[in-house]
Each structure stands twice: as C-alpha cells, then as structure tokens.
Amino acid sequence: MLLPKARGTLSEQLFTALREEPGTAVVLDAAVADDAEDRAIALWASYELHYRGFEDVDDRWEWSPDVLRVRAGLEEVLESELRERYDAHRPERTSDRVEDLAKDLFDYIAAHDGPSMARYVQTDATEAQTMELLRQKSVYHLKEADPSAWVVPRLPTGPKAALMELQFDEYGDGNPARLHQHLFERGLEAAGLRSEYGAYVDEATVPVLESNNVQSFLGLHRRLRAASLGHLAAFEATSSIPSRRMAQGLERLGFPDEIVEYYREHVEADAVHEQLAVRDICVPLVEMEPTLADDVFLGAFACLDTEDRQARDLLERWGVDA
C-alpha cells in the first residue's frame, strides 16, 4: 500500500514528510488542518504506520516524535468530539452493581435506533450501490479484528483468555483460509473488486475514516482499553442479524458465493461473540476495575454512533431517507 492522496494542508505536509528519510527536520501542526476530511486522512495514515505501513514510507517513521506529536493533536480533537456526543447519550443505569452490567449493556445497545444499511441492501439496494458499500467497508474488513488485538497484553488473565478465544475465531481458528480478513478479500476478488489492503482508501468517506480511526484510537491507548472492549461488544452484538440481511441482499442481487459466505460466517459466529465480549470480557474486567464501567459504555456508543454516521452518509448520498 502506498500513501493515500492528501485531502488538505495537513495531510499534504504529513505525506510529504513521510516520503523523506527518517530524521529529516519537519514541522507538523495538527492545527493547520483544513477540515474534518484533512484531519481524518492524516490520522488514518498515522495509525497505519502501526499496522502494515506503506511501501513508500520508511518504517522508522512509526515512532517519529514529529508524527506522534501531530497524531496526538488529531486524537485530542477526535476524543473531544466523541465524548461530547457520548455525553448526550450517556446511559441512565439503575444500578452500579457489576452483576447488572451485562443486562445494562445489552439494553443500551438494543435501545439504539439508527439507520439500517443491511436492511436497505436486503430489499432495495442496486448492484452499483452495493459495490460502493463493499469498497467503503473494505477499509476496515481487510484488517478486521486487528484494532482489538492491541488490547490483549493490557488485560488480566480472565478477560485476556476470553478475548483470545474470540480473536482465535476471527483469525480463522489457525486456518489461514478461514481468517475473516481473508474471507472478505476472497469475496472482493470474486465480486470483481480489488482486494489489496487499503485499495479503496482514496474513496473512503469521512465517516468511514473516522470509524476506523476511533477503533485504532481506542485500541492503541491503554487508558481506553475498556472502551475498546465496549466497542467490540457493541460491534458483535449488532452484527449477526445485519449479516444475515446482507447475505440475503447479496444473493438477491446475484453476487458470488464468496462474498455471501463472508456474511453467512458472521451470522452464527457473532451471535456467540456477543456473549463472549459482554459476559466473559467486559463484565470480568469491570469486576476487577469498577472505575472502567463508564468507558465500556463509551466504547459501545462509539461503535453505534460511527456505524450510524457511515450508513446515514451513504444513504443520503444515494437519495434514500435515513
């Protein structure tokens, strides 16, 4: 993967610097970002240095103080906006008892009412719209589960073991052919789309980039480990039924079995994963560290909110009432 196209002053400055030899004197300031789009692509690229990197960027840039400084400024904006939105949707829990956390979290997730992209694909989406959706989704699904992997070494024994059980399934139970990332890759290829990691990032909308950035942000910061797990719990708890709808919509449109199989795989898997994520990961962690309870809900909100924003943005662009 090469660096994406710049989308403004900050990303242009950052990408120009990253193509230079590490150690080159650079002046980067998050405050010079032109807009949300400029900030989103600059932050996405700075995070990708910690994933697979870029062919045109020396790996030594990963820990450059200059890059980390601009990333911190962008993260400050991202976190401030996320917490401001969360404050307006903070759950009203009837009890602070840890034993009630699972019910409260499931209720919080179930009460969220956002636009359903999967339902639209199931019944009304055109082939062209669905192809666009798959291109947008590829920005995350080709690294599916990786942001949660950052949390593993930061957990105590019980939650760590449960997270690894969930991740082992995400990574194909040891079989490379069943790796969920690889299943999506095969699906893209069968559908006639590019399957290289990051192939469609230049098409990615701001909500798609921000959704990816939120997951990386939560996963890479130890202080937000519970929020990362809350995000995971909400993602798994809201995936099974939409995956069934996506599979049915893809079949309706005549998409190849490989991409349909990706979604079929998640119908059963995520029904199991949601129980693991809530009851065996989030609840035991909060039992050990009760102060982390609110962060779990913050992460759950972050998942639900960013998914809503992605769906609403695409539906509105297609002229569909969200």
C-alpha atoms as a PDB file:
ATOM      1  CA  MET A   1       0.000   0.000   0.000  1.00  0.00           C
ATOM      2  CA  LEU A   2       1.203   3.477  -0.912  1.00  0.00           C
ATOM      3  CA  LEU A   3       0.339   6.642   0.987  1.00  0.00           C
ATOM      4  CA  PRO A   4      -3.171   7.836   0.091  1.00  0.00           C
ATOM      5  CA  LYS A   5      -3.931  11.082  -1.655  1.00  0.00           C
ATOM      6  CA  ALA A   6      -3.717  14.151   0.556  1.00  0.00           C
ATOM      7  CA  ARG A   7      -7.004  15.923   1.281  1.00  0.00           C
ATOM      8  CA  GLY A   8      -5.760  19.250   2.580  1.00  0.00           C
ATOM      9  CA  THR A   9      -2.891  21.249   4.042  1.00  0.00           C
ATOM     10  CA  LEU A  10      -2.049  18.987   6.975  1.00  0.00           C
ATOM     11  CA  SER A  11      -2.198  15.685   5.120  1.00  0.00           C
ATOM     12  CA  GLU A  12      -0.130  17.187   2.288  1.00  0.00           C
ATOM     13  CA  GLN A  13       2.545  18.295   4.763  1.00  0.00           C
ATOM     14  CA  LEU A  14       2.481  14.955   6.605  1.00  0.00           C
ATOM     15  CA  PHE A  15       2.666  12.786   3.488  1.00  0.00           C
ATOM     16  CA  THR A  16       5.449  14.911   2.013  1.00  0.00           C
ATOM     17  CA  ALA A  17       7.437  14.447   5.230  1.00  0.00           C
ATOM     18  CA  LEU A  18       6.810  10.703   5.373  1.00  0.00           C
ATOM     19  CA  ARG A  19       8.319  10.240   1.913  1.00  0.00           C
ATOM     20  CA  GLU A  20      11.577  11.746   3.174  1.00  0.00           C
ATOM     21  CA  GLU A  21      14.385   9.979   5.016  1.00  0.00           C
ATOM     22  CA  PRO A  22      13.583   9.465   8.742  1.00  0.00           C
ATOM     23  CA  GLY A  23      15.280  12.085  10.848  1.00  0.00           C
ATOM     24  CA  THR A  24      14.592  14.832   8.332  1.00  0.00           C
ATOM     25  CA  ALA A  25      13.613  18.014  10.128  1.00  0.00           C
ATOM     26  CA  VAL A  26       9.872  18.534   9.680  1.00  0.00           C
ATOM     27  CA  VAL A  27       7.365  20.977  11.127  1.00  0.00           C
ATOM     28  CA  LEU A  28       3.901  19.488  11.556  1.00  0.00           C
ATOM     29  CA  ASP A  29       0.972  21.050  13.389  1.00  0.00           C
ATOM     30  CA  ALA A  30      -2.466  19.474  13.677  1.00  0.00           C
ATOM     31  CA  ALA A  31      -3.951  22.974  13.939  1.00  0.00           C
ATOM     32  CA  VAL A  32      -3.239  23.637  10.239  1.00  0.00           C
ATOM     33  CA  ALA A  33      -5.780  21.004   9.147  1.00  0.00           C
ATOM     34  CA  ASP A  34      -8.265  22.466   6.709  1.00  0.00           C
ATOM     35  CA  ASP A  35     -11.308  20.475   7.770  1.00  0.00           C
ATOM     36  CA  ALA A  36     -12.596  17.140   9.070  1.00  0.00           C
ATOM     37  CA  GLU A  37     -11.576  15.366   5.865  1.00  0.00           C
ATOM     38  CA  ASP A  38      -7.999  16.603   6.107  1.00  0.00           C
ATOM     39  CA  ARG A  39      -7.815  15.557   9.774  1.00  0.00           C
ATOM     40  CA  ALA A  40      -9.365  12.147   9.135  1.00  0.00           C
ATOM     41  CA  ILE A  41      -6.978  11.042   6.387  1.00  0.00           C
ATOM     42  CA  ALA A  42      -3.931  12.392   8.240  1.00  0.00           C
ATOM     43  CA  LEU A  43      -4.887  10.492  11.402  1.00  0.00           C
ATOM     44  CA  TRP A  44      -5.733   7.333   9.446  1.00  0.00           C
ATOM     45  CA  ALA A  45      -2.302   7.371   7.791  1.00  0.00           C
ATOM     46  CA  SER A  46      -0.502   7.985  11.086  1.00  0.00           C
ATOM     47  CA  TYR A  47      -2.268   4.938  12.564  1.00  0.00           C
ATOM     48  CA  GLU A  48      -1.453   2.768   9.562  1.00  0.00           C
ATOM     49  CA  LEU A  49       2.228   3.164  10.424  1.00  0.00           C
ATOM     50  CA  HIS A  50       1.422   0.815  13.332  1.00  0.00           C
ATOM     51  CA  TYR A  51      -0.364  -1.734  11.124  1.00  0.00           C
ATOM     52  CA  ARG A  52       1.100  -2.729   7.753  1.00  0.00           C
ATOM     53  CA  GLY A  53       2.748   0.560   6.897  1.00  0.00           C
ATOM     54  CA  PHE A  54       3.318   1.986   3.426  1.00  0.00           C
ATOM     55  CA  GLU A  55       5.680   0.886   0.689  1.00  0.00           C
ATOM     56  CA  ASP A  56       6.781   4.481   0.128  1.00  0.00           C
ATOM     57  CA  VAL A  57       7.396   5.215   3.833  1.00  0.00           C
ATOM     58  CA  ASP A  58      10.396   4.060   5.835  1.00  0.00           C
ATOM     59  CA  ASP A  59       9.219   2.002   8.837  1.00  0.00           C
ATOM     60  CA  ARG A  60      11.329   4.118  11.171  1.00  0.00           C
ATOM     61  CA  TRP A  61       8.738   6.899  10.863  1.00  0.00           C
ATOM     62  CA  GLU A  62       6.411   4.843  13.073  1.00  0.00           C
ATOM     63  CA  TRP A  63       7.889   6.264  16.279  1.00  0.00           C
ATOM     64  CA  SER A  64       8.938   9.680  14.998  1.00  0.00           C
ATOM     65  CA  PRO A  65       8.273  12.300  17.720  1.00  0.00           C
ATOM     66  CA  ASP A  66       7.089  14.703  14.999  1.00  0.00           C
ATOM     67  CA  VAL A  67       4.473  12.260  13.719  1.00  0.00           C
ATOM     68  CA  LEU A  68       3.391  11.262  17.219  1.00  0.00           C
ATOM     69  CA  ARG A  69       3.010  14.922  18.166  1.00  0.00           C
ATOM     70  CA  VAL A  70       0.692  15.686  15.236  1.00  0.00           C
ATOM     71  CA  ARG A  71      -1.178  12.443  15.874  1.00  0.00           C
ATOM     72  CA  ALA A  72      -1.753  13.460  19.489  1.00  0.00           C
ATOM     73  CA  GLY A  73      -3.239  16.766  18.349  1.00  0.00           C
ATOM     74  CA  LEU A  74      -5.605  14.988  15.974  1.00  0.00           C
ATOM     75  CA  GLU A  75      -6.568  12.485  18.661  1.00  0.00           C
ATOM     76  CA  GLU A  76      -7.428  15.306  21.025  1.00  0.00           C
ATOM     77  CA  VAL A  77      -9.982  16.621  18.520  1.00  0.00           C
ATOM     78  CA  LEU A  78     -11.342  13.123  17.854  1.00  0.00           C
ATOM     79  CA  GLU A  79     -11.741  12.293  21.547  1.00  0.00           C
ATOM     80  CA  SER A  80     -13.308  15.646  22.365  1.00  0.00           C
ATOM     81  CA  GLU A  81     -15.948  15.229  19.651  1.00  0.00           C
ATOM     82  CA  LEU A  82     -16.615  11.613  20.638  1.00  0.00           C
ATOM     83  CA  ARG A  83     -17.065  12.402  24.341  1.00  0.00           C
ATOM     84  CA  GLU A  84     -19.291  15.369  23.558  1.00  0.00           C
ATOM     85  CA  ARG A  85     -21.616  13.137  21.544  1.00  0.00           C
ATOM     86  CA  TYR A  86     -21.482  10.432  24.208  1.00  0.00           C
ATOM     87  CA  ASP A  87     -22.450  12.862  26.963  1.00  0.00           C
ATOM     88  CA  ALA A  88     -25.757  13.402  25.173  1.00  0.00           C
ATOM     89  CA  HIS A  89     -26.370   9.627  25.098  1.00  0.00           C
ATOM     90  CA  ARG A  90     -24.868   8.503  28.397  1.00  0.00           C
ATOM     91  CA  PRO A  91     -26.899   5.590  29.829  1.00  0.00           C
ATOM     92  CA  GLU A  92     -29.090   6.077  32.855  1.00  0.00           C
ATOM     93  CA  ARG A  93     -28.131   2.990  34.818  1.00  0.00           C
ATOM     94  CA  THR A  94     -30.467   1.965  37.612  1.00  0.00           C
ATOM     95  CA  SER A  95     -27.662   0.265  39.488  1.00  0.00           C
ATOM     96  CA  ASP A  96     -23.881   0.452  39.679  1.00  0.00           C
ATOM     97  CA  ARG A  97     -23.668  -3.240  40.538  1.00  0.00           C
ATOM     98  CA  VAL A  98     -21.238  -5.093  38.315  1.00  0.00           C
ATOM     99  CA  GLU A  99     -23.616  -8.058  38.102  1.00  0.00           C
ATOM    100  CA  ASP A 100     -26.106  -5.788  36.295  1.00  0.00           C
ATOM    101  CA  LEU A 101     -23.551  -4.604  33.742  1.00  0.00           C
ATOM    102  CA  ALA A 102     -24.304  -7.276  31.124  1.00  0.00           C
ATOM    103  CA  LYS A 103     -28.049  -6.533  31.137  1.00  0.00           C
ATOM    104  CA  ASP A 104     -27.474  -2.782  31.129  1.00  0.00           C
ATOM    105  CA  LEU A 105     -25.038  -3.029  28.232  1.00  0.00           C
ATOM    106  CA  PHE A 106     -27.288  -5.271  26.148  1.00  0.00           C
ATOM    107  CA  ASP A 107     -30.232  -2.944  26.889  1.00  0.00           C
ATOM    108  CA  TYR A 108     -28.183   0.118  25.939  1.00  0.00           C
ATOM    109  CA  ILE A 109     -27.180  -1.442  22.625  1.00  0.00           C
ATOM    110  CA  ALA A 110     -30.704  -2.706  21.878  1.00  0.00           C
ATOM    111  CA  ALA A 111     -32.249   0.711  22.600  1.00  0.00           C
ATOM    112  CA  HIS A 112     -30.098   2.368  19.968  1.00  0.00           C
ATOM    113  CA  ASP A 113     -32.139   3.087  16.866  1.00  0.00           C
ATOM    114  CA  GLY A 114     -30.112   4.052  13.824  1.00  0.00           C
ATOM    115  CA  PRO A 115     -30.429   3.625  10.059  1.00  0.00           C
ATOM    116  CA  SER A 116     -30.015   0.051   8.809  1.00  0.00           C
ATOM    117  CA  MET A 117     -27.762  -0.239   5.799  1.00  0.00           C
ATOM    118  CA  ALA A 118     -28.141  -4.033   5.880  1.00  0.00           C
ATOM    119  CA  ARG A 119     -31.932  -3.790   5.625  1.00  0.00           C
ATOM    120  CA  TYR A 120     -31.588  -1.494   2.615  1.00  0.00           C
ATOM    121  CA  VAL A 121     -29.202  -3.927   0.903  1.00  0.00           C
ATOM    122  CA  GLN A 122     -31.539  -6.799   1.755  1.00  0.00           C
ATOM    123  CA  THR A 123     -34.519  -5.235  -0.026  1.00  0.00           C
ATOM    124  CA  ASP A 124     -33.737  -2.231  -2.211  1.00  0.00           C
ATOM    125  CA  ALA A 125     -30.064  -1.527  -2.943  1.00  0.00           C
ATOM    126  CA  THR A 126     -28.848  -1.644  -6.530  1.00  0.00           C
ATOM    127  CA  GLU A 127     -25.772  -3.579  -7.595  1.00  0.00           C
ATOM    128  CA  ALA A 128     -23.822  -0.342  -8.061  1.00  0.00           C
ATOM    129  CA  GLN A 129     -24.743   0.891  -4.575  1.00  0.00           C
ATOM    130  CA  THR A 130     -23.760  -2.432  -3.029  1.00  0.00           C
ATOM    131  CA  MET A 131     -20.421  -2.420  -4.854  1.00  0.00           C
ATOM    132  CA  GLU A 132     -19.767   1.061  -3.459  1.00  0.00           C
ATOM    133  CA  LEU A 133     -20.668  -0.140   0.025  1.00  0.00           C
ATOM    134  CA  LEU A 134     -18.236  -3.067  -0.258  1.00  0.00           C
ATOM    135  CA  ARG A 135     -15.461  -0.716  -1.340  1.00  0.00           C
ATOM    136  CA  GLN A 136     -16.122   1.502   1.682  1.00  0.00           C
ATOM    137  CA  LYS A 137     -16.336  -1.485   4.032  1.00  0.00           C
ATOM    138  CA  SER A 138     -13.035  -2.871   2.745  1.00  0.00           C
ATOM    139  CA  VAL A 139     -11.089  -0.152   4.579  1.00  0.00           C
ATOM    140  CA  TYR A 140     -11.948  -1.926   7.847  1.00  0.00           C
ATOM    141  CA  HIS A 141     -12.760  -5.513   6.899  1.00  0.00           C
ATOM    142  CA  LEU A 142      -9.326  -6.159   5.369  1.00  0.00           C
ATOM    143  CA  LYS A 143      -7.882  -5.619   8.853  1.00  0.00           C
ATOM    144  CA  GLU A 144     -10.882  -6.943  10.754  1.00  0.00           C
ATOM    145  CA  ALA A 145     -10.174  -7.671  14.453  1.00  0.00           C
ATOM    146  CA  ASP A 146      -6.698  -6.108  14.356  1.00  0.00           C
ATOM    147  CA  PRO A 147      -7.589  -2.975  16.395  1.00  0.00           C
ATOM    148  CA  SER A 148      -8.857  -5.180  19.244  1.00  0.00           C
ATOM    149  CA  ALA A 149      -5.626  -7.161  19.231  1.00  0.00           C
ATOM    150  CA  TRP A 150      -3.756  -4.166  20.673  1.00  0.00           C
ATOM    151  CA  VAL A 151      -5.727  -4.657  23.911  1.00  0.00           C
ATOM    152  CA  VAL A 152      -4.651  -8.252  24.590  1.00  0.00           C
ATOM    153  CA  PRO A 153      -1.446  -7.551  26.597  1.00  0.00           C
ATOM    154  CA  ARG A 154      -3.265  -4.926  28.659  1.00  0.00           C
ATOM    155  CA  LEU A 155      -5.767  -7.291  30.254  1.00  0.00           C
ATOM    156  CA  PRO A 156      -5.768  -9.512  33.338  1.00  0.00           C
ATOM    157  CA  THR A 157      -5.957 -13.274  32.961  1.00  0.00           C
ATOM    158  CA  GLY A 158      -9.693 -13.970  32.618  1.00  0.00           C
ATOM    159  CA  PRO A 159     -10.637 -11.224  30.134  1.00  0.00           C
ATOM    160  CA  LYS A 160      -7.411 -11.845  28.229  1.00  0.00           C
ATOM    161  CA  ALA A 161      -8.208 -15.541  27.753  1.00  0.00           C
ATOM    162  CA  ALA A 162     -11.776 -14.744  26.639  1.00  0.00           C
ATOM    163  CA  LEU A 163     -10.601 -12.091  24.196  1.00  0.00           C
ATOM    164  CA  MET A 164      -8.113 -14.546  22.732  1.00  0.00           C
ATOM    165  CA  GLU A 165     -10.892 -17.110  22.330  1.00  0.00           C
ATOM    166  CA  LEU A 166     -12.912 -14.580  20.356  1.00  0.00           C
ATOM    167  CA  GLN A 167      -9.891 -13.418  18.345  1.00  0.00           C
ATOM    168  CA  PHE A 168      -8.859 -17.003  17.567  1.00  0.00           C
ATOM    169  CA  ASP A 169     -12.162 -17.408  15.754  1.00  0.00           C
ATOM    170  CA  GLU A 170     -11.750 -14.052  13.985  1.00  0.00           C
ATOM    171  CA  TYR A 171      -8.342 -15.209  12.793  1.00  0.00           C
ATOM    172  CA  GLY A 172      -9.675 -18.470  11.383  1.00  0.00           C
ATOM    173  CA  ASP A 173      -9.026 -20.897  14.260  1.00  0.00           C
ATOM    174  CA  GLY A 174      -5.488 -21.239  12.961  1.00  0.00           C
ATOM    175  CA  ASN A 175      -6.587 -21.863   9.370  1.00  0.00           C
ATOM    176  CA  PRO A 176      -5.442 -19.015   7.086  1.00  0.00           C
ATOM    177  CA  ALA A 177      -8.240 -19.807   4.619  1.00  0.00           C
ATOM    178  CA  ARG A 178     -10.857 -19.084   7.325  1.00  0.00           C
ATOM    179  CA  LEU A 179      -9.343 -15.819   8.547  1.00  0.00           C
ATOM    180  CA  HIS A 180     -12.209 -13.328   8.412  1.00  0.00           C
ATOM    181  CA  GLN A 181      -9.998 -10.746   6.716  1.00  0.00           C
ATOM    182  CA  HIS A 182      -9.140 -13.326   4.075  1.00  0.00           C
ATOM    183  CA  LEU A 183     -12.783 -14.310   3.581  1.00  0.00           C
ATOM    184  CA  PHE A 184     -13.590 -10.686   2.782  1.00  0.00           C
ATOM    185  CA  GLU A 185     -10.568 -10.484   0.488  1.00  0.00           C
ATOM    186  CA  ARG A 186     -11.795 -13.521  -1.438  1.00  0.00           C
ATOM    187  CA  GLY A 187     -15.265 -12.025  -1.595  1.00  0.00           C
ATOM    188  CA  LEU A 188     -13.975  -8.781  -3.074  1.00  0.00           C
ATOM    189  CA  GLU A 189     -11.991 -10.654  -5.714  1.00  0.00           C
ATOM    190  CA  ALA A 190     -14.990 -12.799  -6.677  1.00  0.00           C
ATOM    191  CA  ALA A 191     -17.148  -9.667  -6.966  1.00  0.00           C
ATOM    192  CA  GLY A 192     -14.634  -8.113  -9.362  1.00  0.00           C
ATOM    193  CA  LEU A 193     -13.227  -5.629  -6.847  1.00  0.00           C
ATOM    194  CA  ARG A 194      -9.638  -5.008  -5.783  1.00  0.00           C
ATOM    195  CA  SER A 195      -8.641  -6.955  -2.698  1.00  0.00           C
ATOM    196  CA  GLU A 196      -5.321  -5.343  -1.769  1.00  0.00           C
ATOM    197  CA  TYR A 197      -5.137  -3.895   1.734  1.00  0.00           C
ATOM    198  CA  GLY A 198      -6.151  -0.224   1.615  1.00  0.00           C
ATOM    199  CA  ALA A 199      -7.052  -0.375  -2.082  1.00  0.00           C
ATOM    200  CA  TYR A 200     -10.055   1.937  -1.732  1.00  0.00           C
ATOM    201  CA  VAL A 201      -8.924   4.352   0.961  1.00  0.00           C
ATOM    202  CA  ASP A 202      -8.908   7.229  -1.519  1.00  0.00           C
ATOM    203  CA  GLU A 203     -12.655   6.668  -1.939  1.00  0.00           C
ATOM    204  CA  ALA A 204     -13.307   6.393   1.794  1.00  0.00           C
ATOM    205  CA  THR A 205     -15.787   8.911   3.149  1.00  0.00           C
ATOM    206  CA  VAL A 206     -15.061  10.937   6.267  1.00  0.00           C
ATOM    207  CA  PRO A 207     -17.432   8.786   8.400  1.00  0.00           C
ATOM    208  CA  VAL A 208     -15.639   5.626   7.206  1.00  0.00           C
ATOM    209  CA  LEU A 209     -12.226   7.071   8.037  1.00  0.00           C
ATOM    210  CA  GLU A 210     -13.456   8.319  11.417  1.00  0.00           C
ATOM    211  CA  SER A 211     -14.914   4.900  12.257  1.00  0.00           C
ATOM    212  CA  ASN A 212     -11.561   3.283  11.511  1.00  0.00           C
ATOM    213  CA  ASN A 213      -9.726   5.995  13.443  1.00  0.00           C
ATOM    214  CA  VAL A 214     -11.914   5.539  16.517  1.00  0.00           C
ATOM    215  CA  GLN A 215     -11.143   1.818  16.620  1.00  0.00           C
ATOM    216  CA  SER A 216      -7.401   2.412  16.297  1.00  0.00           C
ATOM    217  CA  PHE A 217      -7.520   5.218  18.853  1.00  0.00           C
ATOM    218  CA  LEU A 218      -9.281   3.091  21.463  1.00  0.00           C
ATOM    219  CA  GLY A 219      -7.097   0.059  20.816  1.00  0.00           C
ATOM    220  CA  LEU A 220      -3.757   1.847  20.908  1.00  0.00           C
ATOM    221  CA  HIS A 221      -4.277   3.667  24.227  1.00  0.00           C
ATOM    222  CA  ARG A 222      -4.059   1.583  27.383  1.00  0.00           C
ATOM    223  CA  ARG A 223      -6.192   4.087  29.310  1.00  0.00           C
ATOM    224  CA  LEU A 224      -9.031   3.345  26.855  1.00  0.00           C
ATOM    225  CA  ARG A 225      -8.780  -0.458  26.938  1.00  0.00           C
ATOM    226  CA  ALA A 226     -12.279  -0.818  28.394  1.00  0.00           C
ATOM    227  CA  ALA A 227     -13.714   1.481  25.723  1.00  0.00           C
ATOM    228  CA  SER A 228     -12.076  -0.650  23.040  1.00  0.00           C
ATOM    229  CA  LEU A 229     -13.742  -3.725  24.524  1.00  0.00           C
ATOM    230  CA  GLY A 230     -17.085  -1.916  24.797  1.00  0.00           C
ATOM    231  CA  HIS A 231     -16.760  -1.073  21.112  1.00  0.00           C
ATOM    232  CA  LEU A 232     -16.056  -4.738  20.370  1.00  0.00           C
ATOM    233  CA  ALA A 233     -19.094  -5.827  22.398  1.00  0.00           C
ATOM    234  CA  ALA A 234     -21.421  -3.453  20.547  1.00  0.00           C
ATOM    235  CA  PHE A 235     -19.976  -4.439  17.193  1.00  0.00           C
ATOM    236  CA  GLU A 236     -20.527  -8.141  17.864  1.00  0.00           C
ATOM    237  CA  ALA A 237     -23.984  -7.602  19.406  1.00  0.00           C
ATOM    238  CA  THR A 238     -25.205  -5.709  16.330  1.00  0.00           C
ATOM    239  CA  SER A 239     -23.638  -7.892  13.653  1.00  0.00           C
ATOM    240  CA  SER A 240     -25.476 -11.213  13.475  1.00  0.00           C
ATOM    241  CA  ILE A 241     -28.881 -10.064  12.151  1.00  0.00           C
ATOM    242  CA  PRO A 242     -27.393  -7.425   9.809  1.00  0.00           C
ATOM    243  CA  SER A 243     -25.018 -10.077   8.444  1.00  0.00           C
ATOM    244  CA  ARG A 244     -27.996 -12.297   7.606  1.00  0.00           C
ATOM    245  CA  ARG A 245     -29.673  -9.372   5.856  1.00  0.00           C
ATOM    246  CA  MET A 246     -26.511  -8.562   3.940  1.00  0.00           C
ATOM    247  CA  ALA A 247     -26.188 -12.173   2.800  1.00  0.00           C
ATOM    248  CA  GLN A 248     -29.806 -12.188   1.627  1.00  0.00           C
ATOM    249  CA  GLY A 249     -29.357  -8.883  -0.193  1.00  0.00           C
ATOM    250  CA  LEU A 250     -26.207 -10.069  -1.921  1.00  0.00           C
ATOM    251  CA  GLU A 251     -27.985 -13.239  -3.009  1.00  0.00           C
ATOM    252  CA  ARG A 252     -30.914 -11.152  -4.290  1.00  0.00           C
ATOM    253  CA  LEU A 253     -28.513  -9.175  -6.457  1.00  0.00           C
ATOM    254  CA  GLY A 254     -26.690 -12.264  -7.739  1.00  0.00           C
ATOM    255  CA  PHE A 255     -23.339 -11.622  -6.046  1.00  0.00           C
ATOM    256  CA  PRO A 256     -20.899 -14.560  -5.982  1.00  0.00           C
ATOM    257  CA  ASP A 257     -20.939 -17.118  -3.180  1.00  0.00           C
ATOM    258  CA  GLU A 258     -17.559 -15.985  -1.824  1.00  0.00           C
ATOM    259  CA  ILE A 259     -18.818 -12.602  -0.642  1.00  0.00           C
ATOM    260  CA  VAL A 260     -22.127 -14.080   0.532  1.00  0.00           C
ATOM    261  CA  GLU A 261     -20.155 -16.650   2.550  1.00  0.00           C
ATOM    262  CA  TYR A 262     -18.289 -13.884   4.360  1.00  0.00           C
ATOM    263  CA  TYR A 263     -21.570 -12.577   5.772  1.00  0.00           C
ATOM    264  CA  ARG A 264     -23.003 -16.031   6.410  1.00  0.00           C
ATOM    265  CA  GLU A 265     -19.933 -16.786   8.513  1.00  0.00           C
ATOM    266  CA  HIS A 266     -20.815 -13.867  10.796  1.00  0.00           C
ATOM    267  CA  VAL A 267     -24.440 -14.834  11.381  1.00  0.00           C
ATOM    268  CA  GLU A 268     -23.573 -17.632  13.797  1.00  0.00           C
ATOM    269  CA  ALA A 269     -20.103 -16.502  14.849  1.00  0.00           C
ATOM    270  CA  ASP A 270     -21.160 -13.067  16.055  1.00  0.00           C
ATOM    271  CA  ALA A 271     -24.127 -14.440  17.976  1.00  0.00           C
ATOM    272  CA  VAL A 272     -21.554 -16.336  20.057  1.00  0.00           C
ATOM    273  CA  HIS A 273     -19.058 -13.483  20.082  1.00  0.00           C
ATOM    274  CA  GLU A 274     -21.509 -11.007  21.600  1.00  0.00           C
ATOM    275  CA  GLN A 275     -21.902 -13.200  24.683  1.00  0.00           C
ATOM    276  CA  LEU A 276     -18.141 -13.639  24.968  1.00  0.00           C
ATOM    277  CA  ALA A 277     -17.480  -9.927  24.546  1.00  0.00           C
ATOM    278  CA  VAL A 278     -20.026  -8.825  27.139  1.00  0.00           C
ATOM    279  CA  ARG A 279     -20.151 -11.609  29.753  1.00  0.00           C
ATOM    280  CA  ASP A 280     -16.616 -13.010  29.614  1.00  0.00           C
ATOM    281  CA  ILE A 281     -14.582  -9.924  28.726  1.00  0.00           C
ATOM    282  CA  CYS A 282     -16.277  -6.659  29.724  1.00  0.00           C
ATOM    283  CA  VAL A 283     -18.019  -7.847  32.911  1.00  0.00           C
ATOM    284  CA  PRO A 284     -14.969  -9.590  34.467  1.00  0.00           C
ATOM    285  CA  LEU A 285     -12.764  -6.610  33.615  1.00  0.00           C
ATOM    286  CA  VAL A 286     -15.148  -4.212  35.379  1.00  0.00           C
ATOM    287  CA  GLU A 287     -15.366  -6.608  38.341  1.00  0.00           C
ATOM    288  CA  MET A 288     -11.600  -6.190  38.734  1.00  0.00           C
ATOM    289  CA  GLU A 289     -11.563  -2.476  37.898  1.00  0.00           C
ATOM    290  CA  PRO A 290     -15.001  -0.943  38.649  1.00  0.00           C
ATOM    291  CA  THR A 291     -13.937   2.535  37.525  1.00  0.00           C
ATOM    292  CA  LEU A 292     -13.827   1.272  33.940  1.00  0.00           C
ATOM    293  CA  ALA A 293     -17.598   0.724  33.671  1.00  0.00           C
ATOM    294  CA  ASP A 294     -18.363   4.063  32.028  1.00  0.00           C
ATOM    295  CA  ASP A 295     -15.579   3.513  29.481  1.00  0.00           C
ATOM    296  CA  VAL A 296     -17.272   0.295  28.371  1.00  0.00           C
ATOM    297  CA  PHE A 297     -20.412   2.290  27.543  1.00  0.00           C
ATOM    298  CA  LEU A 298     -18.324   4.995  25.881  1.00  0.00           C
ATOM    299  CA  GLY A 299     -16.856   2.362  23.556  1.00  0.00           C
ATOM    300  CA  ALA A 300     -20.260   0.839  22.848  1.00  0.00           C
ATOM    301  CA  PHE A 301     -21.610   4.282  21.965  1.00  0.00           C
ATOM    302  CA  ALA A 302     -18.595   4.962  19.748  1.00  0.00           C
ATOM    303  CA  CYS A 303     -19.343   1.822  17.747  1.00  0.00           C
ATOM    304  CA  LEU A 304     -23.055   2.528  17.369  1.00  0.00           C
ATOM    305  CA  ASP A 305     -22.536   6.204  16.582  1.00  0.00           C
ATOM    306  CA  THR A 306     -19.844   5.760  13.939  1.00  0.00           C
ATOM    307  CA  GLU A 307     -21.779   2.939  12.249  1.00  0.00           C
ATOM    308  CA  ASP A 308     -24.825   5.228  12.115  1.00  0.00           C
ATOM    309  CA  ARG A 309     -22.783   8.016  10.600  1.00  0.00           C
ATOM    310  CA  GLN A 310     -21.400   5.768   7.882  1.00  0.00           C
ATOM    311  CA  ALA A 311     -24.847   4.432   6.975  1.00  0.00           C
ATOM    312  CA  ARG A 312     -26.583   7.815   7.058  1.00  0.00           C
ATOM    313  CA  ASP A 313     -23.892   9.419   4.901  1.00  0.00           C
ATOM    314  CA  LEU A 314     -24.121   6.784   2.165  1.00  0.00           C
ATOM    315  CA  LEU A 315     -27.903   6.598   2.213  1.00  0.00           C
ATOM    316  CA  GLU A 316     -28.195  10.366   1.919  1.00  0.00           C
ATOM    317  CA  ARG A 317     -25.734  10.363  -0.987  1.00  0.00           C
ATOM    318  CA  TRP A 318     -27.948   7.794  -2.703  1.00  0.00           C
ATOM    319  CA  GLY A 319     -31.054   9.878  -2.092  1.00  0.00           C
ATOM    320  CA  VAL A 320     -32.516   7.399   0.416  1.00  0.00           C
ATOM    321  CA  ASP A 321     -34.323   8.615   3.533  1.00  0.00           C
ATOM    322  CA  ALA A 322     -32.221   7.622   6.532  1.00  0.00           C
END
